[in-house]
PDB file of N, CA and C in Angstrom:
ATOM      1  N   MET A   1       0.870  -1.161  -0.013  1.00  0.00           N
ATOM      2  CA  MET A   1       0.021   0.070   0.011  1.00  0.00           C
ATOM      3  C   MET A   1       0.838   1.238  -0.025  1.00  0.00           C
ATOM      4  N   THR A   2       0.617   2.148  -0.841  1.00  0.00           N
ATOM      5  CA  THR A   2       1.350   3.424  -0.954  1.00  0.00           C
ATOM      6  C   THR A   2       0.626   4.520  -0.113  1.00  0.00           C
ATOM      7  N   ARG A   3       1.408   5.153   0.769  1.00  0.00           N
ATOM      8  CA  ARG A   3       0.820   6.297   1.533  1.00  0.00           C
ATOM      9  C   ARG A   3       1.258   7.584   0.766  1.00  0.00           C
ATOM     10  N   HIS A   4       0.223   8.503   0.680  1.00  0.00           N
ATOM     11  CA  HIS A   4       0.473   9.824   0.148  1.00  0.00           C
ATOM     12  C   HIS A   4       0.299  10.817   1.136  1.00  0.00           C
ATOM     13  N   SER A   5       1.120  11.892   1.072  1.00  0.00           N
ATOM     14  CA  SER A   5       1.008  13.037   1.889  1.00  0.00           C
ATOM     15  C   SER A   5       0.534  14.232   1.068  1.00  0.00           C
ATOM     16  N   PHE A   6      -0.561  14.859   1.517  1.00  0.00           N
ATOM     17  CA  PHE A   6      -1.203  15.884   0.790  1.00  0.00           C
ATOM     18  C   PHE A   6      -1.125  17.219   1.516  1.00  0.00           C
ATOM     19  N   GLY A   7      -0.710  18.335   0.896  1.00  0.00           N
ATOM     20  CA  GLY A   7      -0.733  19.641   1.610  1.00  0.00           C
ATOM     21  C   GLY A   7      -2.220  20.216   1.415  1.00  0.00           C
ATOM     22  N   ILE A   8      -2.633  20.552   2.560  1.00  0.00           N
ATOM     23  CA  ILE A   8      -4.051  21.150   2.760  1.00  0.00           C
ATOM     24  C   ILE A   8      -4.054  22.278   3.663  1.00  0.00           C
ATOM     25  N   ALA A   9      -5.143  22.960   3.707  1.00  0.00           N
ATOM     26  CA  ALA A   9      -5.401  23.960   4.737  1.00  0.00           C
ATOM     27  C   ALA A   9      -6.488  23.346   5.645  1.00  0.00           C
ATOM     28  N   VAL A  10      -6.153  23.305   6.904  1.00  0.00           N
ATOM     29  CA  VAL A  10      -7.161  22.665   7.859  1.00  0.00           C
ATOM     30  C   VAL A  10      -8.027  23.711   8.484  1.00  0.00           C
ATOM     31  N   VAL A  11      -9.259  23.483   8.492  1.00  0.00           N
ATOM     32  CA  VAL A  11     -10.198  24.379   9.215  1.00  0.00           C
ATOM     33  C   VAL A  11     -10.761  23.480  10.313  1.00  0.00           C
ATOM     34  N   ALA A  12     -10.342  23.555  11.452  1.00  0.00           N
ATOM     35  CA  ALA A  12     -10.851  22.652  12.569  1.00  0.00           C
ATOM     36  C   ALA A  12     -12.176  23.137  13.184  1.00  0.00           C
ATOM     37  N   ALA A  13     -13.113  22.281  13.196  1.00  0.00           N
ATOM     38  CA  ALA A  13     -14.440  22.651  13.826  1.00  0.00           C
ATOM     39  C   ALA A  13     -14.327  22.159  15.304  1.00  0.00           C
ATOM     40  N   THR A  14     -13.963  23.037  16.182  1.00  0.00           N
ATOM     41  CA  THR A  14     -13.611  22.735  17.592  1.00  0.00           C
ATOM     42  C   THR A  14     -14.571  23.331  18.570  1.00  0.00           C
ATOM     43  N   LEU A  15     -15.768  23.482  18.166  1.00  0.00           N
ATOM     44  CA  LEU A  15     -16.724  24.046  19.096  1.00  0.00           C
ATOM     45  C   LEU A  15     -17.022  23.003  20.217  1.00  0.00           C
ATOM     46  N   PRO A  16     -17.138  23.353  21.516  1.00  0.00           N
ATOM     47  CA  PRO A  16     -17.558  22.370  22.509  1.00  0.00           C
ATOM     48  C   PRO A  16     -18.939  21.775  22.119  1.00  0.00           C
ATOM     49  N   SER A  17     -19.072  20.408  22.513  1.00  0.00           N
ATOM     50  CA  SER A  17     -20.267  19.700  22.113  1.00  0.00           C
ATOM     51  C   SER A  17     -21.539  20.391  22.493  1.00  0.00           C
ATOM     52  N   GLY A  18     -21.581  21.085  23.625  1.00  0.00           N
ATOM     53  CA  GLY A  18     -22.757  21.824  24.064  1.00  0.00           C
ATOM     54  C   GLY A  18     -23.218  22.904  23.102  1.00  0.00           C
ATOM     55  N   TRP A  19     -22.334  23.260  22.228  1.00  0.00           N
ATOM     56  CA  TRP A  19     -22.628  24.393  21.240  1.00  0.00           C
ATOM     57  C   TRP A  19     -23.053  23.691  19.887  1.00  0.00           C
ATOM     58  N   CYS A  20     -23.239  22.523  19.864  1.00  0.00           N
ATOM     59  CA  CYS A  20     -23.605  21.864  18.539  1.00  0.00           C
ATOM     60  C   CYS A  20     -25.056  22.164  18.192  1.00  0.00           C
ATOM     61  N   ALA A  21     -25.221  22.195  16.847  1.00  0.00           N
ATOM     62  CA  ALA A  21     -26.632  22.419  16.362  1.00  0.00           C
ATOM     63  C   ALA A  21     -26.715  21.611  15.051  1.00  0.00           C
ATOM     64  N   THR A  22     -28.019  21.258  14.780  1.00  0.00           N
ATOM     65  CA  THR A  22     -28.224  20.474  13.487  1.00  0.00           C
ATOM     66  C   THR A  22     -28.441  21.574  12.404  1.00  0.00           C
ATOM     67  N   VAL A  23     -27.780  21.281  11.319  1.00  0.00           N
ATOM     68  CA  VAL A  23     -27.893  22.104  10.086  1.00  0.00           C
ATOM     69  C   VAL A  23     -28.415  21.223   8.951  1.00  0.00           C
ATOM     70  N   ASP A  24     -29.492  21.635   8.275  1.00  0.00           N
ATOM     71  CA  ASP A  24     -30.054  20.844   7.217  1.00  0.00           C
ATOM     72  C   ASP A  24     -29.457  21.416   5.854  1.00  0.00           C
ATOM     73  N   LEU A  25     -28.593  20.572   5.297  1.00  0.00           N
ATOM     74  CA  LEU A  25     -27.921  20.914   4.077  1.00  0.00           C
ATOM     75  C   LEU A  25     -28.233  19.958   2.909  1.00  0.00           C
ATOM     76  N   PRO A  26     -28.318  20.346   1.688  1.00  0.00           N
ATOM     77  CA  PRO A  26     -28.537  19.394   0.575  1.00  0.00           C
ATOM     78  C   PRO A  26     -27.228  18.630   0.411  1.00  0.00           C
ATOM     79  N   ILE A  27     -27.501  17.321   0.207  1.00  0.00           N
ATOM     80  CA  ILE A  27     -26.281  16.506   0.028  1.00  0.00           C
ATOM     81  C   ILE A  27     -26.010  16.196  -1.483  1.00  0.00           C
ATOM     82  N   HIS A  28     -24.866  16.397  -1.964  1.00  0.00           N
ATOM     83  CA  HIS A  28     -24.531  16.051  -3.376  1.00  0.00           C
ATOM     84  C   HIS A  28     -23.748  14.783  -3.284  1.00  0.00           C
ATOM     85  N   ILE A  29     -24.186  13.893  -4.231  1.00  0.00           N
ATOM     86  CA  ILE A  29     -23.462  12.556  -4.355  1.00  0.00           C
ATOM     87  C   ILE A  29     -22.890  12.454  -5.723  1.00  0.00           C
ATOM     88  N   ARG A  30     -21.597  12.221  -5.897  1.00  0.00           N
ATOM     89  CA  ARG A  30     -20.976  11.834  -7.103  1.00  0.00           C
ATOM     90  C   ARG A  30     -19.852  10.912  -6.926  1.00  0.00           C
ATOM     91  N   ASN A  31     -19.858   9.803  -7.707  1.00  0.00           N
ATOM     92  CA  ASN A  31     -18.871   8.815  -7.544  1.00  0.00           C
ATOM     93  C   ASN A  31     -18.848   8.162  -6.156  1.00  0.00           C
ATOM     94  N   SER A  32     -19.932   8.075  -5.547  1.00  0.00           N
ATOM     95  CA  SER A  32     -20.129   7.475  -4.163  1.00  0.00           C
ATOM     96  C   SER A  32     -19.582   8.467  -3.088  1.00  0.00           C
ATOM     97  N   ASN A  33     -19.251   9.643  -3.428  1.00  0.00           N
ATOM     98  CA  ASN A  33     -18.821  10.625  -2.525  1.00  0.00           C
ATOM     99  C   ASN A  33     -19.913  11.614  -2.158  1.00  0.00           C
ATOM    100  N   ALA A  34     -20.263  11.628  -0.857  1.00  0.00           N
ATOM    101  CA  ALA A  34     -21.349  12.657  -0.385  1.00  0.00           C
ATOM    102  C   ALA A  34     -20.645  13.834   0.111  1.00  0.00           C
ATOM    103  N   SER A  35     -21.167  15.051  -0.312  1.00  0.00           N
ATOM    104  CA  SER A  35     -20.589  16.276   0.059  1.00  0.00           C
ATOM    105  C   SER A  35     -21.677  17.356   0.232  1.00  0.00           C
ATOM    106  N   VAL A  36     -21.262  18.383   0.837  1.00  0.00           N
ATOM    107  CA  VAL A  36     -22.182  19.577   0.924  1.00  0.00           C
ATOM    108  C   VAL A  36     -21.510  20.790   0.353  1.00  0.00           C
ATOM    109  N   GLN A  37     -22.241  21.736  -0.213  1.00  0.00           N
ATOM    110  CA  GLN A  37     -21.728  22.952  -0.788  1.00  0.00           C
ATOM    111  C   GLN A  37     -21.643  23.992   0.278  1.00  0.00           C
ATOM    112  N   VAL A  38     -20.571  24.636   0.450  1.00  0.00           N
ATOM    113  CA  VAL A  38     -20.413  25.605   1.542  1.00  0.00           C
ATOM    114  C   VAL A  38     -19.549  26.780   0.985  1.00  0.00           C
ATOM    115  N   ASP A  39     -19.891  28.054   1.272  1.00  0.00           N
ATOM    116  CA  ASP A  39     -19.050  29.234   0.969  1.00  0.00           C
ATOM    117  C   ASP A  39     -18.157  29.429   2.125  1.00  0.00           C
ATOM    118  N   ILE A  40     -16.837  29.654   1.751  1.00  0.00           N
ATOM    119  CA  ILE A  40     -15.809  29.819   2.818  1.00  0.00           C
ATOM    120  C   ILE A  40     -15.150  31.182   2.523  1.00  0.00           C
ATOM    121  N   GLY A  41     -14.926  32.030   3.520  1.00  0.00           N
ATOM    122  CA  GLY A  41     -14.146  33.252   3.408  1.00  0.00           C
ATOM    123  C   GLY A  41     -14.967  34.515   2.970  1.00  0.00           C
ATOM    124  N   THR A  42     -14.233  35.586   2.881  1.00  0.00           N
ATOM    125  CA  THR A  42     -14.873  36.886   2.480  1.00  0.00           C
ATOM    126  C   THR A  42     -13.895  37.582   1.495  1.00  0.00           C
ATOM    127  N   PRO A  43     -14.289  37.701   0.254  1.00  0.00           N
ATOM    128  CA  PRO A  43     -15.610  37.357  -0.361  1.00  0.00           C
ATOM    129  C   PRO A  43     -15.788  35.744  -0.314  1.00  0.00           C
ATOM    130  N   PRO A  44     -16.983  35.281  -0.315  1.00  0.00           N
ATOM    131  CA  PRO A  44     -17.201  33.814  -0.291  1.00  0.00           C
ATOM    132  C   PRO A  44     -16.744  33.146  -1.450  1.00  0.00           C
ATOM    133  N   GLN A  45     -16.109  31.957  -1.348  1.00  0.00           N
ATOM    134  CA  GLN A  45     -15.744  31.064  -2.365  1.00  0.00           C
ATOM    135  C   GLN A  45     -16.278  29.745  -2.124  1.00  0.00           C
ATOM    136  N   THR A  46     -17.015  29.141  -3.103  1.00  0.00           N
ATOM    137  CA  THR A  46     -17.637  27.843  -2.926  1.00  0.00           C
ATOM    138  C   THR A  46     -16.729  26.746  -2.936  1.00  0.00           C
ATOM    139  N   HIS A  47     -16.984  25.822  -2.001  1.00  0.00           N
ATOM    140  CA  HIS A  47     -16.168  24.593  -1.792  1.00  0.00           C
ATOM    141  C   HIS A  47     -17.219  23.493  -1.581  1.00  0.00           C
ATOM    142  N   PHE A  48     -16.759  22.267  -1.859  1.00  0.00           N
ATOM    143  CA  PHE A  48     -17.623  21.055  -1.563  1.00  0.00           C
ATOM    144  C   PHE A  48     -16.880  20.298  -0.461  1.00  0.00           C
ATOM    145  N   LEU A  49     -17.558  20.130   0.733  1.00  0.00           N
ATOM    146  CA  LEU A  49     -16.971  19.496   1.849  1.00  0.00           C
ATOM    147  C   LEU A  49     -17.515  18.091   1.857  1.00  0.00           C
ATOM    148  N   HIS A  50     -16.535  17.103   1.902  1.00  0.00           N
ATOM    149  CA  HIS A  50     -16.910  15.713   2.002  1.00  0.00           C
ATOM    150  C   HIS A  50     -17.121  15.241   3.485  1.00  0.00           C
ATOM    151  N   PHE A  51     -17.916  14.388   3.812  1.00  0.00           N
ATOM    152  CA  PHE A  51     -18.177  13.931   5.222  1.00  0.00           C
ATOM    153  C   PHE A  51     -17.003  13.153   5.682  1.00  0.00           C
ATOM    154  N   ASP A  52     -16.658  13.427   6.919  1.00  0.00           N
ATOM    155  CA  ASP A  52     -15.660  12.731   7.743  1.00  0.00           C
ATOM    156  C   ASP A  52     -16.239  12.457   8.999  1.00  0.00           C
ATOM    157  N   THR A  53     -16.826  11.223   9.317  1.00  0.00           N
ATOM    158  CA  THR A  53     -17.536  11.047  10.539  1.00  0.00           C
ATOM    159  C   THR A  53     -16.531  10.523  11.606  1.00  0.00           C
ATOM    160  N   GLY A  54     -15.246  10.380  11.179  1.00  0.00           N
ATOM    161  CA  GLY A  54     -14.186   9.859  12.091  1.00  0.00           C
ATOM    162  C   GLY A  54     -13.406  10.874  12.771  1.00  0.00           C
ATOM    163  N   SER A  55     -13.728  12.163  12.489  1.00  0.00           N
ATOM    164  CA  SER A  55     -12.889  13.294  13.195  1.00  0.00           C
ATOM    165  C   SER A  55     -13.742  14.434  13.417  1.00  0.00           C
ATOM    166  N   SER A  56     -13.228  15.423  14.208  1.00  0.00           N
ATOM    167  CA  SER A  56     -13.985  16.599  14.362  1.00  0.00           C
ATOM    168  C   SER A  56     -13.462  17.796  13.535  1.00  0.00           C
ATOM    169  N   SER A  57     -12.685  17.528  12.468  1.00  0.00           N
ATOM    170  CA  SER A  57     -12.095  18.465  11.686  1.00  0.00           C
ATOM    171  C   SER A  57     -12.817  18.692  10.372  1.00  0.00           C
ATOM    172  N   THR A  58     -12.760  19.814   9.790  1.00  0.00           N
ATOM    173  CA  THR A  58     -13.246  20.118   8.496  1.00  0.00           C
ATOM    174  C   THR A  58     -12.051  20.617   7.728  1.00  0.00           C
ATOM    175  N   TRP A  59     -11.776  20.093   6.499  1.00  0.00           N
ATOM    176  CA  TRP A  59     -10.543  20.607   5.741  1.00  0.00           C
ATOM    177  C   TRP A  59     -10.948  20.773   4.339  1.00  0.00           C
ATOM    178  N   VAL A  60     -10.238  21.649   3.787  1.00  0.00           N
ATOM    179  CA  VAL A  60     -10.275  21.923   2.334  1.00  0.00           C
ATOM    180  C   VAL A  60      -8.864  21.894   1.759  1.00  0.00           C
ATOM    181  N   VAL A  61      -8.759  21.513   0.437  1.00  0.00           N
ATOM    182  CA  VAL A  61      -7.340  21.557  -0.150  1.00  0.00           C
ATOM    183  C   VAL A  61      -6.942  22.940  -0.363  1.00  0.00           C
ATOM    184  N   ASP A  62      -5.567  23.169  -0.339  1.00  0.00           N
ATOM    185  CA  ASP A  62      -5.073  24.433  -0.711  1.00  0.00           C
ATOM    186  C   ASP A  62      -4.931  24.479  -2.199  1.00  0.00           C
ATOM    187  N   GLN A  63      -4.532  25.672  -2.637  1.00  0.00           N
ATOM    188  CA  GLN A  63      -4.391  25.884  -4.120  1.00  0.00           C
ATOM    189  C   GLN A  63      -3.452  24.934  -4.786  1.00  0.00           C
ATOM    190  N   ASN A  64      -2.392  24.619  -4.172  1.00  0.00           N
ATOM    191  CA  ASN A  64      -1.340  23.727  -4.715  1.00  0.00           C
ATOM    192  C   ASN A  64      -1.850  22.334  -4.863  1.00  0.00           C
ATOM    193  N   CYS A  65      -2.456  21.831  -3.736  1.00  0.00           N
ATOM    194  CA  CYS A  65      -3.044  20.498  -3.866  1.00  0.00           C
ATOM    195  C   CYS A  65      -4.279  20.355  -4.777  1.00  0.00           C
ATOM    196  N   ALA A  66      -4.923  21.469  -4.986  1.00  0.00           N
ATOM    197  CA  ALA A  66      -6.115  21.441  -5.804  1.00  0.00           C
ATOM    198  C   ALA A  66      -5.729  20.957  -7.334  1.00  0.00           C
ATOM    199  N   THR A  67      -4.520  21.349  -7.625  1.00  0.00           N
ATOM    200  CA  THR A  67      -4.064  20.952  -9.012  1.00  0.00           C
ATOM    201  C   THR A  67      -3.136  19.755  -9.148  1.00  0.00           C
ATOM    202  N   THR A  68      -2.341  19.463  -7.980  1.00  0.00           N
ATOM    203  CA  THR A  68      -1.412  18.378  -7.988  1.00  0.00           C
ATOM    204  C   THR A  68      -1.668  17.140  -7.260  1.00  0.00           C
ATOM    205  N   CYS A  69      -2.602  17.106  -6.373  1.00  0.00           N
ATOM    206  CA  CYS A  69      -2.968  15.864  -5.599  1.00  0.00           C
ATOM    207  C   CYS A  69      -3.956  15.137  -6.406  1.00  0.00           C
ATOM    208  N   PRO A  70      -3.997  13.735  -6.279  1.00  0.00           N
ATOM    209  CA  PRO A  70      -4.908  12.833  -6.982  1.00  0.00           C
ATOM    210  C   PRO A  70      -6.387  13.183  -6.507  1.00  0.00           C
ATOM    211  N   ASN A  71      -7.155  13.149  -7.468  1.00  0.00           N
ATOM    212  CA  ASN A  71      -8.625  13.493  -7.225  1.00  0.00           C
ATOM    213  C   ASN A  71      -9.385  12.407  -7.867  1.00  0.00           C
ATOM    214  N   LYS A  72     -10.093  11.555  -6.976  1.00  0.00           N
ATOM    215  CA  LYS A  72     -10.837  10.467  -7.433  1.00  0.00           C
ATOM    216  C   LYS A  72     -12.407  10.745  -7.152  1.00  0.00           C
ATOM    217  N   SER A  73     -12.639  11.971  -6.640  1.00  0.00           N
ATOM    218  CA  SER A  73     -14.046  12.323  -6.184  1.00  0.00           C
ATOM    219  C   SER A  73     -14.927  12.690  -7.284  1.00  0.00           C
ATOM    220  N   GLY A  74     -14.477  13.103  -8.530  1.00  0.00           N
ATOM    221  CA  GLY A  74     -15.316  13.485  -9.600  1.00  0.00           C
ATOM    222  C   GLY A  74     -15.635  14.984  -9.496  1.00  0.00           C
ATOM    223  N   TYR A  75     -15.380  15.664  -8.396  1.00  0.00           N
ATOM    224  CA  TYR A  75     -15.628  17.052  -8.213  1.00  0.00           C
ATOM    225  C   TYR A  75     -14.453  17.876  -8.670  1.00  0.00           C
ATOM    226  N   ASP A  76     -14.738  19.004  -9.251  1.00  0.00           N
ATOM    227  CA  ASP A  76     -13.634  19.993  -9.552  1.00  0.00           C
ATOM    228  C   ASP A  76     -13.177  20.547  -8.298  1.00  0.00           C
ATOM    229  N   ARG A  77     -11.847  20.676  -8.134  1.00  0.00           N
ATOM    230  CA  ARG A  77     -11.285  21.195  -6.859  1.00  0.00           C
ATOM    231  C   ARG A  77     -11.016  22.660  -7.033  1.00  0.00           C
ATOM    232  N   LYS A  78     -11.284  23.426  -6.060  1.00  0.00           N
ATOM    233  CA  LYS A  78     -11.005  24.797  -5.889  1.00  0.00           C
ATOM    234  C   LYS A  78     -10.234  25.013  -4.695  1.00  0.00           C
ATOM    235  N   GLY A  79      -9.009  25.355  -4.724  1.00  0.00           N
ATOM    236  CA  GLY A  79      -8.048  25.414  -3.639  1.00  0.00           C
ATOM    237  C   GLY A  79      -8.393  26.602  -2.805  1.00  0.00           C
ATOM    238  N   TYR A  80      -8.250  26.490  -1.426  1.00  0.00           N
ATOM    239  CA  TYR A  80      -8.433  27.556  -0.469  1.00  0.00           C
ATOM    240  C   TYR A  80      -7.144  28.378  -0.409  1.00  0.00           C
ATOM    241  N   ASN A  81      -7.203  29.671  -0.418  1.00  0.00           N
ATOM    242  CA  ASN A  81      -6.048  30.494  -0.273  1.00  0.00           C
ATOM    243  C   ASN A  81      -6.428  31.601   0.876  1.00  0.00           C
ATOM    244  N   ILE A  82      -5.760  31.580   1.943  1.00  0.00           N
ATOM    245  CA  ILE A  82      -6.100  32.471   3.052  1.00  0.00           C
ATOM    246  C   ILE A  82      -5.876  33.790   2.688  1.00  0.00           C
ATOM    247  N   SER A  83      -4.948  34.148   1.664  1.00  0.00           N
ATOM    248  CA  SER A  83      -4.729  35.555   1.259  1.00  0.00           C
ATOM    249  C   SER A  83      -5.870  36.090   0.467  1.00  0.00           C
ATOM    250  N   ASP A  84      -6.786  35.267  -0.063  1.00  0.00           N
ATOM    251  CA  ASP A  84      -7.902  35.704  -0.774  1.00  0.00           C
ATOM    252  C   ASP A  84      -9.080  36.025   0.040  1.00  0.00           C
ATOM    253  N   SER A  85      -8.944  35.964   1.336  1.00  0.00           N
ATOM    254  CA  SER A  85     -10.154  36.104   2.289  1.00  0.00           C
ATOM    255  C   SER A  85      -9.675  37.139   3.273  1.00  0.00           C
ATOM    256  N   SER A  86     -10.603  38.223   3.421  1.00  0.00           N
ATOM    257  CA  SER A  86     -10.293  39.212   4.386  1.00  0.00           C
ATOM    258  C   SER A  86     -10.614  38.694   5.830  1.00  0.00           C
ATOM    259  N   THR A  87     -11.368  37.602   5.961  1.00  0.00           N
ATOM    260  CA  THR A  87     -11.690  37.085   7.253  1.00  0.00           C
ATOM    261  C   THR A  87     -10.818  35.913   7.654  1.00  0.00           C
ATOM    262  N   GLY A  88      -9.923  35.399   6.840  1.00  0.00           N
ATOM    263  CA  GLY A  88      -9.002  34.289   7.098  1.00  0.00           C
ATOM    264  C   GLY A  88      -8.017  34.615   8.040  1.00  0.00           C
ATOM    265  N   ALA A  89      -7.681  33.743   8.987  1.00  0.00           N
ATOM    266  CA  ALA A  89      -6.557  34.003   9.996  1.00  0.00           C
ATOM    267  C   ALA A  89      -5.856  32.733  10.193  1.00  0.00           C
ATOM    268  N   ALA A  90      -4.522  32.754  10.141  1.00  0.00           N
ATOM    269  CA  ALA A  90      -3.724  31.608  10.498  1.00  0.00           C
ATOM    270  C   ALA A  90      -3.724  31.476  11.957  1.00  0.00           C
ATOM    271  N   LEU A  91      -3.871  30.169  12.389  1.00  0.00           N
ATOM    272  CA  LEU A  91      -3.901  29.885  13.868  1.00  0.00           C
ATOM    273  C   LEU A  91      -2.529  29.550  14.470  1.00  0.00           C
ATOM    274  N   GLY A  92      -1.445  29.450  13.636  1.00  0.00           N
ATOM    275  CA  GLY A  92      -0.243  28.985  14.110  1.00  0.00           C
ATOM    276  C   GLY A  92      -0.139  27.611  14.575  1.00  0.00           C
ATOM    277  N   THR A  93      -0.953  26.738  14.082  1.00  0.00           N
ATOM    278  CA  THR A  93      -1.068  25.319  14.426  1.00  0.00           C
ATOM    279  C   THR A  93      -0.831  24.486  13.253  1.00  0.00           C
ATOM    280  N   TYR A  94      -0.541  23.179  13.376  1.00  0.00           N
ATOM    281  CA  TYR A  94      -0.515  22.331  12.247  1.00  0.00           C
ATOM    282  C   TYR A  94      -1.149  20.955  12.686  1.00  0.00           C
ATOM    283  N   GLY A  95      -1.963  20.477  11.781  1.00  0.00           N
ATOM    284  CA  GLY A  95      -2.726  19.235  12.071  1.00  0.00           C
ATOM    285  C   GLY A  95      -2.465  18.157  10.989  1.00  0.00           C
ATOM    286  N   SER A  96      -2.770  16.926  11.418  1.00  0.00           N
ATOM    287  CA  SER A  96      -2.739  15.901  10.429  1.00  0.00           C
ATOM    288  C   SER A  96      -3.717  14.824  10.801  1.00  0.00           C
ATOM    289  N   ILE A  97      -4.379  14.364   9.744  1.00  0.00           N
ATOM    290  CA  ILE A  97      -5.401  13.286   9.927  1.00  0.00           C
ATOM    291  C   ILE A  97      -4.985  12.042   9.146  1.00  0.00           C
ATOM    292  N   ASP A  98      -4.900  10.932   9.760  1.00  0.00           N
ATOM    293  CA  ASP A  98      -4.601   9.721   9.058  1.00  0.00           C
ATOM    294  C   ASP A  98      -5.865   9.004   8.537  1.00  0.00           C
ATOM    295  N   TYR A  99      -5.825   8.764   7.207  1.00  0.00           N
ATOM    296  CA  TYR A  99      -6.846   7.944   6.647  1.00  0.00           C
ATOM    297  C   TYR A  99      -6.264   6.679   6.068  1.00  0.00           C
ATOM    298  N   PHE A 100      -7.066   5.687   5.859  1.00  0.00           N
ATOM    299  CA  PHE A 100      -6.562   4.392   5.296  1.00  0.00           C
ATOM    300  C   PHE A 100      -6.003   4.698   3.903  1.00  0.00           C
ATOM    301  N   GLY A 101      -4.724   4.533   3.716  1.00  0.00           N
ATOM    302  CA  GLY A 101      -4.089   4.884   2.455  1.00  0.00           C
ATOM    303  C   GLY A 101      -3.488   6.248   2.276  1.00  0.00           C
ATOM    304  N   GLY A 102      -3.578   7.034   3.349  1.00  0.00           N
ATOM    305  CA  GLY A 102      -3.003   8.430   3.151  1.00  0.00           C
ATOM    306  C   GLY A 102      -3.218   9.262   4.436  1.00  0.00           C
ATOM    307  N   LYS A 103      -2.615  10.412   4.325  1.00  0.00           N
ATOM    308  CA  LYS A 103      -2.614  11.376   5.386  1.00  0.00           C
ATOM    309  C   LYS A 103      -2.892  12.726   4.853  1.00  0.00           C
ATOM    310  N   THR A 104      -3.638  13.564   5.632  1.00  0.00           N
ATOM    311  CA  THR A 104      -3.929  14.914   5.215  1.00  0.00           C
ATOM    312  C   THR A 104      -3.400  15.941   6.254  1.00  0.00           C
ATOM    313  N   PRO A 105      -2.159  16.353   6.065  1.00  0.00           N
ATOM    314  CA  PRO A 105      -1.598  17.385   6.953  1.00  0.00           C
ATOM    315  C   PRO A 105      -1.699  18.799   6.421  1.00  0.00           C
ATOM    316  N   GLY A 106      -1.692  19.779   7.426  1.00  0.00           N
ATOM    317  CA  GLY A 106      -1.752  21.156   6.917  1.00  0.00           C
ATOM    318  C   GLY A 106      -1.923  22.066   8.051  1.00  0.00           C
ATOM    319  N   PRO A 107      -1.677  23.409   7.800  1.00  0.00           N
ATOM    320  CA  PRO A 107      -1.797  24.394   8.816  1.00  0.00           C
ATOM    321  C   PRO A 107      -3.200  24.646   9.211  1.00  0.00           C
ATOM    322  N   GLY A 108      -3.398  25.047  10.426  1.00  0.00           N
ATOM    323  CA  GLY A 108      -4.737  25.422  10.987  1.00  0.00           C
ATOM    324  C   GLY A 108      -5.080  26.806  10.675  1.00  0.00           C
ATOM    325  N   VAL A 109      -6.265  27.106  10.164  1.00  0.00           N
ATOM    326  CA  VAL A 109      -6.704  28.357   9.829  1.00  0.00           C
ATOM    327  C   VAL A 109      -8.169  28.611  10.318  1.00  0.00           C
ATOM    328  N   ALA A 110      -8.573  29.862  10.548  1.00  0.00           N
ATOM    329  CA  ALA A 110      -9.937  30.165  10.903  1.00  0.00           C
ATOM    330  C   ALA A 110     -10.547  31.044   9.887  1.00  0.00           C
ATOM    331  N   ASP A 111     -11.803  30.810   9.511  1.00  0.00           N
ATOM    332  CA  ASP A 111     -12.468  31.594   8.518  1.00  0.00           C
ATOM    333  C   ASP A 111     -13.964  31.479   8.628  1.00  0.00           C
ATOM    334  N   THR A 112     -14.739  32.304   8.053  1.00  0.00           N
ATOM    335  CA  THR A 112     -16.146  32.136   8.098  1.00  0.00           C
ATOM    336  C   THR A 112     -16.673  31.202   7.084  1.00  0.00           C
ATOM    337  N   SER A 113     -17.726  30.526   7.372  1.00  0.00           N
ATOM    338  CA  SER A 113     -18.342  29.598   6.463  1.00  0.00           C
ATOM    339  C   SER A 113     -19.819  29.837   6.390  1.00  0.00           C
ATOM    340  N   LYS A 114     -20.367  29.773   5.210  1.00  0.00           N
ATOM    341  CA  LYS A 114     -21.781  30.173   5.015  1.00  0.00           C
ATOM    342  C   LYS A 114     -22.390  29.227   4.098  1.00  0.00           C
ATOM    343  N   ARG A 115     -23.650  28.957   4.415  1.00  0.00           N
ATOM    344  CA  ARG A 115     -24.483  28.128   3.528  1.00  0.00           C
ATOM    345  C   ARG A 115     -25.863  28.833   3.697  1.00  0.00           C
ATOM    346  N   GLY A 116     -26.374  29.330   2.523  1.00  0.00           N
ATOM    347  CA  GLY A 116     -27.664  30.043   2.590  1.00  0.00           C
ATOM    348  C   GLY A 116     -27.557  31.336   3.259  1.00  0.00           C
ATOM    349  N   VAL A 117     -28.367  31.743   4.274  1.00  0.00           N
ATOM    350  CA  VAL A 117     -28.272  32.946   4.848  1.00  0.00           C
ATOM    351  C   VAL A 117     -27.575  32.929   6.204  1.00  0.00           C
ATOM    352  N   SER A 118     -27.216  31.751   6.723  1.00  0.00           N
ATOM    353  CA  SER A 118     -26.571  31.710   8.088  1.00  0.00           C
ATOM    354  C   SER A 118     -25.078  31.599   7.832  1.00  0.00           C
ATOM    355  N   SER A 119     -24.311  31.968   8.815  1.00  0.00           N
ATOM    356  CA  SER A 119     -22.824  31.935   8.787  1.00  0.00           C
ATOM    357  C   SER A 119     -22.257  31.603  10.140  1.00  0.00           C
ATOM    358  N   ALA A 120     -21.171  30.908  10.158  1.00  0.00           N
ATOM    359  CA  ALA A 120     -20.469  30.606  11.412  1.00  0.00           C
ATOM    360  C   ALA A 120     -18.979  30.783  11.257  1.00  0.00           C
ATOM    361  N   LYS A 121     -18.304  31.037  12.273  1.00  0.00           N
ATOM    362  CA  LYS A 121     -16.913  31.150  12.217  1.00  0.00           C
ATOM    363  C   LYS A 121     -16.269  29.852  12.740  1.00  0.00           C
ATOM    364  N   TRP A 122     -15.490  29.164  11.960  1.00  0.00           N
ATOM    365  CA  TRP A 122     -14.911  27.824  12.293  1.00  0.00           C
ATOM    366  C   TRP A 122     -13.395  28.118  12.490  1.00  0.00           C
ATOM    367  N   ASN A 123     -12.793  27.525  13.554  1.00  0.00           N
ATOM    368  CA  ASN A 123     -11.415  27.633  13.649  1.00  0.00           C
ATOM    369  C   ASN A 123     -10.827  26.293  14.339  1.00  0.00           C
TER     370      ASN A 123
END
């Protein structure tokens, strides 16, 4: 088995469990991958977030990985760039999530996320 290391921007959803809420979002399925469409940053840029029920983190690929990393999802990738968002802030942290067959490491960032009329700040 080959392990790949991918450069990403990590947006950790670390709200205490008492602050959790249910959000009803349309689910897009392509090539057996379920995702939700979310706008990230200011001005907002649309990204598709795939479900990861095994961790509390939310992550998106950075601009470099959007063009160079393998993509079997069937979705076009649009890389996140913190410099393109007036609300993006580097957290000075680094995270890594191990998946079967690969790892997704990257810097921690905080930015606004919006779907419809509601928005939340994730960090």
